[in-house]
Amino acid sequence: MTATYDLAGRHVLITGGTKGIGAGIARAFAAAGATVTVCARTPPEPPPAEVRFVPADVRDPEDVERLLGGFSRLDVLVNNAGGAPHALVDGTSPRLHAKVIELNLIAPLLVTQRAYPLLKAAGGAVIMIGSSSGVRPSPGTSAYGAAKAGLHHLAACLAAEWAPEVRVNTVVVGLAATETAAGHYGGAYDQVSATIPAGRMASPQDVAQACLWLASPGYVTGAQIQVHGGGETPAWTWLTSAEIAR
């Protein structure tokens, strides 16, 4: 059974909401009746009819001020903007790692800090979109994993600082089936999906359902909701299974 939500009259901002998981979250909130604003550096193609788009680079304090200055009310902030290229630490530019941390940790801090007065006035909620990379080793995306670990902890700290006026929670997303997933995993997409106990990667809709629940009025704050289909099966279980051994 899928829960239904009525968020009519509530105003929602989703950073990085023009594609992938962010776009799925935006569609879900709009379908629940919320007034939805998404931001990104470039506009979506095609522009969605059900949401408002504001161009903004959430790493830039001036852009953050302009973005949040356009709201007279804000009930829900979803910090979704993030990501990183695959880059081993050895031999890569320090600037690259700094930019990854800036996007995935510093930017959500800036946006959330600026949004706080609006959220406090509305008794609102913040949802951080975290990652399993922040709770297990993340070779090839070490800076990203470290930033996401920091984001998870930031959410817990803000939940304690801002309770009971503003609730702050994290959705920790595992492997996800976005429009770029097939290209990212190449010919191994099905095999990678098979390592997940649920048998498939998370969809944007799966993440959106968790966000809708956390955005609804309630008691939960400082929590991490794992949306990973049971996690990723350790490689050694495949190597030692009777089926592989044959």
Protein backbone atom coordinates (compact mmCIF):
# COMPACT_ATOMS: atom_id res chain seq x y z
CA MET A 1 0.00 0.00 0.00
CA THR A 2 1.27 3.48 -0.91
CA ALA A 3 0.52 6.29 1.52
CA THR A 4 -1.12 9.44 0.20
CA TYR A 5 -0.33 12.95 1.39
CA ASP A 6 -2.16 16.27 1.25
CA LEU A 7 0.36 19.11 1.28
CA ALA A 8 -1.90 21.79 -0.16
CA GLY A 9 -0.85 25.25 0.97
CA ARG A 10 2.69 24.20 1.83
CA HIS A 11 5.72 25.66 0.08
CA VAL A 12 8.66 23.40 -0.76
CA LEU A 13 12.16 24.13 -2.09
CA ILE A 14 14.22 21.33 -3.64
CA THR A 15 17.82 22.06 -4.56
CA GLY A 16 19.11 20.22 -7.62
CA GLY A 17 15.50 19.44 -8.42
CA THR A 18 15.65 19.45 -12.21
CA LYS A 19 16.73 15.86 -12.87
CA GLY A 20 17.23 12.45 -11.33
CA ILE A 21 16.19 11.98 -7.72
CA GLY A 22 15.51 15.69 -7.26
CA ALA A 23 13.05 15.80 -10.14
CA GLY A 24 11.28 12.73 -8.77
CA ILE A 25 10.94 14.38 -5.37
CA ALA A 26 9.62 17.56 -7.00
CA ARG A 27 6.96 15.64 -8.94
CA ALA A 28 5.84 13.81 -5.80
CA PHE A 29 5.46 16.99 -3.76
CA ALA A 30 3.60 18.72 -6.60
CA ALA A 31 1.26 15.73 -6.91
CA ALA A 32 0.57 16.02 -3.16
CA GLY A 33 -0.62 19.59 -3.71
CA ALA A 34 2.42 21.53 -2.52
CA THR A 35 3.73 24.67 -4.19
CA VAL A 36 7.14 23.49 -5.39
CA THR A 37 10.23 25.46 -6.33
CA VAL A 38 13.33 23.78 -7.72
CA CYS A 39 16.73 25.32 -8.29
CA ALA A 40 19.81 24.38 -10.27
CA ARG A 41 22.49 26.11 -12.28
CA THR A 42 20.77 25.31 -15.58
CA PRO A 43 17.05 25.04 -16.39
CA PRO A 44 15.40 21.68 -16.93
CA GLU A 45 14.58 20.44 -20.42
CA PRO A 46 11.68 20.52 -20.93
CA PRO A 47 10.63 22.84 -18.08
CA PRO A 48 8.05 21.08 -15.88
CA ALA A 49 4.64 22.71 -15.78
CA GLU A 50 3.91 21.78 -12.17
CA VAL A 51 6.93 23.43 -10.49
CA ARG A 52 8.67 26.80 -10.45
CA PHE A 53 12.32 26.93 -11.52
CA VAL A 54 14.81 29.44 -10.13
CA PRO A 55 18.39 29.42 -11.47
CA ALA A 56 20.87 29.33 -8.60
CA ASP A 57 24.29 27.96 -7.68
CA VAL A 58 23.86 26.82 -4.08
CA ARG A 59 27.64 27.04 -3.54
CA ASP A 60 27.43 30.83 -3.98
CA PRO A 61 26.26 32.74 -0.87
CA GLU A 62 24.91 35.59 -3.02
CA ASP A 63 22.87 33.16 -5.10
CA VAL A 64 21.58 31.51 -1.93
CA GLU A 65 20.52 34.91 -0.58
CA ARG A 66 18.73 35.76 -3.83
CA LEU A 67 17.04 32.35 -3.93
CA LEU A 68 15.72 32.37 -0.36
CA GLY A 69 14.94 36.07 -0.50
CA GLY A 70 12.22 35.21 -3.01
CA PHE A 71 10.21 33.28 -0.40
CA SER A 72 7.70 34.77 2.01
CA ARG A 73 6.93 31.30 3.37
CA LEU A 74 8.85 28.01 3.34
CA ASP A 75 7.57 24.81 4.92
CA VAL A 76 9.99 22.20 3.57
CA LEU A 77 13.58 22.38 2.34
CA VAL A 78 15.02 19.35 0.55
CA ASN A 79 18.80 19.61 0.15
CA ASN A 80 19.28 17.32 -2.83
CA ALA A 81 21.94 19.06 -4.94
CA GLY A 82 25.16 17.08 -4.96
CA GLY A 83 27.27 14.52 -6.74
CA ALA A 84 30.85 13.86 -7.74
CA PRO A 85 32.89 12.33 -10.56
CA HIS A 86 34.85 9.15 -9.96
CA ALA A 87 38.31 10.31 -8.91
CA LEU A 88 40.93 8.46 -6.89
CA VAL A 89 42.61 10.61 -4.24
CA ASP A 90 46.12 9.88 -5.47
CA GLY A 91 47.03 12.10 -8.40
CA THR A 92 43.89 14.24 -8.50
CA SER A 93 43.65 17.98 -7.95
CA PRO A 94 43.10 19.25 -4.40
CA ARG A 95 40.74 21.78 -5.96
CA LEU A 96 38.52 18.97 -7.26
CA HIS A 97 38.13 17.46 -3.81
CA ALA A 98 37.48 20.90 -2.30
CA LYS A 99 34.74 21.56 -4.85
CA VAL A 100 33.12 18.18 -4.14
CA ILE A 101 33.02 18.93 -0.41
CA GLU A 102 31.76 22.45 -1.12
CA LEU A 103 28.82 21.16 -3.16
CA ASN A 104 27.86 18.22 -0.97
CA LEU A 105 28.40 19.69 2.52
CA ILE A 106 29.04 23.44 2.58
CA ALA A 107 26.23 24.31 0.14
CA PRO A 108 23.51 22.48 2.13
CA LEU A 109 24.77 24.24 5.26
CA LEU A 110 24.53 27.65 3.57
CA VAL A 111 21.04 27.01 2.19
CA THR A 112 19.71 25.57 5.44
CA GLN A 113 21.16 28.40 7.52
CA ARG A 114 19.54 31.03 5.28
CA ALA A 115 16.23 29.14 5.22
CA TYR A 116 16.03 28.76 9.00
CA PRO A 117 13.97 31.91 9.80
CA LEU A 118 11.36 30.94 7.21
CA LEU A 119 11.25 27.33 8.37
CA LYS A 120 11.00 28.35 12.02
CA ALA A 121 8.07 30.66 11.29
CA ALA A 122 6.26 27.81 9.50
CA GLY A 123 7.20 25.04 11.93
CA GLY A 124 8.83 23.41 8.95
CA ALA A 125 11.19 20.59 8.07
CA VAL A 126 14.58 20.08 6.45
CA ILE A 127 15.40 16.89 4.57
CA MET A 128 19.00 16.15 3.66
CA ILE A 129 19.52 13.71 0.79
CA GLY A 130 22.43 11.64 2.03
CA SER A 131 24.17 8.63 0.59
CA SER A 132 25.31 5.15 1.53
CA SER A 133 28.74 6.43 0.45
CA GLY A 134 28.75 8.33 3.71
CA VAL A 135 28.26 5.24 5.87
CA ARG A 136 30.55 2.70 4.17
CA PRO A 137 33.87 2.86 2.29
CA SER A 138 33.59 4.84 -0.92
CA PRO A 139 36.74 4.16 -2.99
CA GLY A 140 36.97 6.45 -6.01
CA THR A 141 34.64 8.98 -4.40
CA SER A 142 36.39 9.51 -1.08
CA ALA A 143 35.73 13.25 -0.84
CA TYR A 144 32.08 12.68 -1.74
CA GLY A 145 31.71 9.96 0.90
CA ALA A 146 33.37 12.15 3.51
CA ALA A 147 31.13 15.08 2.61
CA LYS A 148 28.00 12.93 2.86
CA ALA A 149 29.13 11.60 6.25
CA GLY A 150 29.49 15.22 7.30
CA LEU A 151 26.04 16.02 5.92
CA HIS A 152 24.48 13.22 7.96
CA HIS A 153 26.13 14.60 11.11
CA LEU A 154 25.18 18.17 10.24
CA ALA A 155 21.52 17.11 10.08
CA ALA A 156 21.75 15.48 13.51
CA CYS A 157 23.34 18.61 14.98
CA LEU A 158 20.76 20.96 13.47
CA ALA A 159 17.94 18.70 14.65
CA ALA A 160 19.20 19.17 18.20
CA GLU A 161 19.83 22.91 17.80
CA TRP A 162 16.50 23.75 16.19
CA ALA A 163 14.05 21.48 17.97
CA PRO A 164 11.18 21.71 18.49
CA GLU A 165 10.50 24.46 15.92
CA VAL A 166 12.22 22.84 12.90
CA ARG A 167 12.66 19.14 12.28
CA VAL A 168 15.80 17.99 10.41
CA ASN A 169 16.20 14.47 9.02
CA THR A 170 18.27 12.60 6.44
CA VAL A 171 17.29 10.17 3.70
CA VAL A 172 20.33 7.94 3.13
CA VAL A 173 20.04 6.74 -0.46
CA GLY A 174 21.77 3.61 -1.73
CA LEU A 175 22.33 2.70 -5.38
CA ALA A 176 19.71 4.57 -7.40
CA ALA A 177 18.23 4.09 -10.86
CA THR A 178 18.36 7.56 -12.38
CA GLU A 179 18.67 8.50 -16.04
CA THR A 180 22.47 8.21 -15.82
CA ALA A 181 22.64 4.91 -13.91
CA ALA A 182 22.79 2.61 -16.94
CA GLY A 183 25.70 4.57 -18.41
CA HIS A 184 27.48 4.72 -15.06
CA TYR A 185 27.35 0.95 -14.49
CA GLY A 186 27.63 0.04 -18.17
CA GLY A 187 27.09 -3.60 -19.01
CA ALA A 188 27.13 -4.52 -15.31
CA TYR A 189 23.85 -2.73 -14.46
CA ASP A 190 21.87 -5.95 -13.92
CA GLN A 191 24.67 -7.59 -11.96
CA VAL A 192 25.01 -4.54 -9.71
CA SER A 193 21.25 -4.48 -9.13
CA ALA A 194 21.42 -8.15 -8.14
CA THR A 195 23.73 -7.31 -5.24
CA ILE A 196 20.85 -5.44 -3.56
CA PRO A 197 18.62 -7.67 -1.40
CA ALA A 198 15.49 -5.99 -2.81
CA GLY A 199 16.62 -7.03 -6.29
CA ARG A 200 16.72 -3.54 -7.80
CA MET A 201 18.10 -0.07 -7.29
CA ALA A 202 16.06 2.63 -5.60
CA SER A 203 13.89 4.73 -7.88
CA PRO A 204 13.38 8.48 -7.48
CA GLN A 205 9.82 7.61 -6.40
CA ASP A 206 11.14 5.44 -3.57
CA VAL A 207 13.19 8.36 -2.27
CA ALA A 208 10.29 10.76 -2.75
CA GLN A 209 7.98 8.63 -0.60
CA ALA A 210 10.44 8.83 2.29
CA CYS A 211 10.68 12.60 1.81
CA LEU A 212 6.90 13.03 1.83
CA TRP A 213 6.66 11.15 5.11
CA LEU A 214 9.44 13.18 6.75
CA ALA A 215 7.89 16.43 5.48
CA SER A 216 4.54 15.67 7.10
CA PRO A 217 3.97 17.05 10.62
CA GLY A 218 5.22 14.64 13.25
CA TYR A 219 7.65 13.84 16.02
CA VAL A 220 10.59 12.42 14.09
CA THR A 221 13.72 14.57 13.95
CA GLY A 222 17.44 13.78 13.87
CA ALA A 223 16.72 10.49 12.11
CA GLN A 224 18.41 8.74 9.19
CA ILE A 225 16.01 6.84 6.94
CA GLN A 226 17.84 4.20 4.91
CA VAL A 227 16.46 3.88 1.37
CA HIS A 228 18.78 1.21 0.01
CA GLY A 229 16.69 -1.92 -0.52
CA GLY A 230 18.43 -3.77 2.29
CA GLY A 231 21.91 -2.49 1.50
CA GLU A 232 24.58 -3.94 -0.76
CA THR A 233 25.54 -7.58 -0.41
CA PRO A 234 29.27 -7.84 0.49
CA ALA A 235 31.40 -9.16 -2.37
CA TRP A 236 32.76 -12.02 -0.28
CA THR A 237 29.30 -13.58 -0.03
CA TRP A 238 29.25 -13.88 -3.82
CA LEU A 239 32.75 -15.29 -3.96
CA THR A 240 32.05 -17.93 -1.33
CA SER A 241 28.56 -18.95 -2.43
CA ALA A 242 28.08 -22.46 -3.77
CA GLU A 243 26.65 -21.09 -6.98
CA ILE A 244 29.73 -18.97 -7.73
CA ALA A 245 32.09 -21.74 -6.57
CA ARG A 246 30.75 -24.05 -9.24
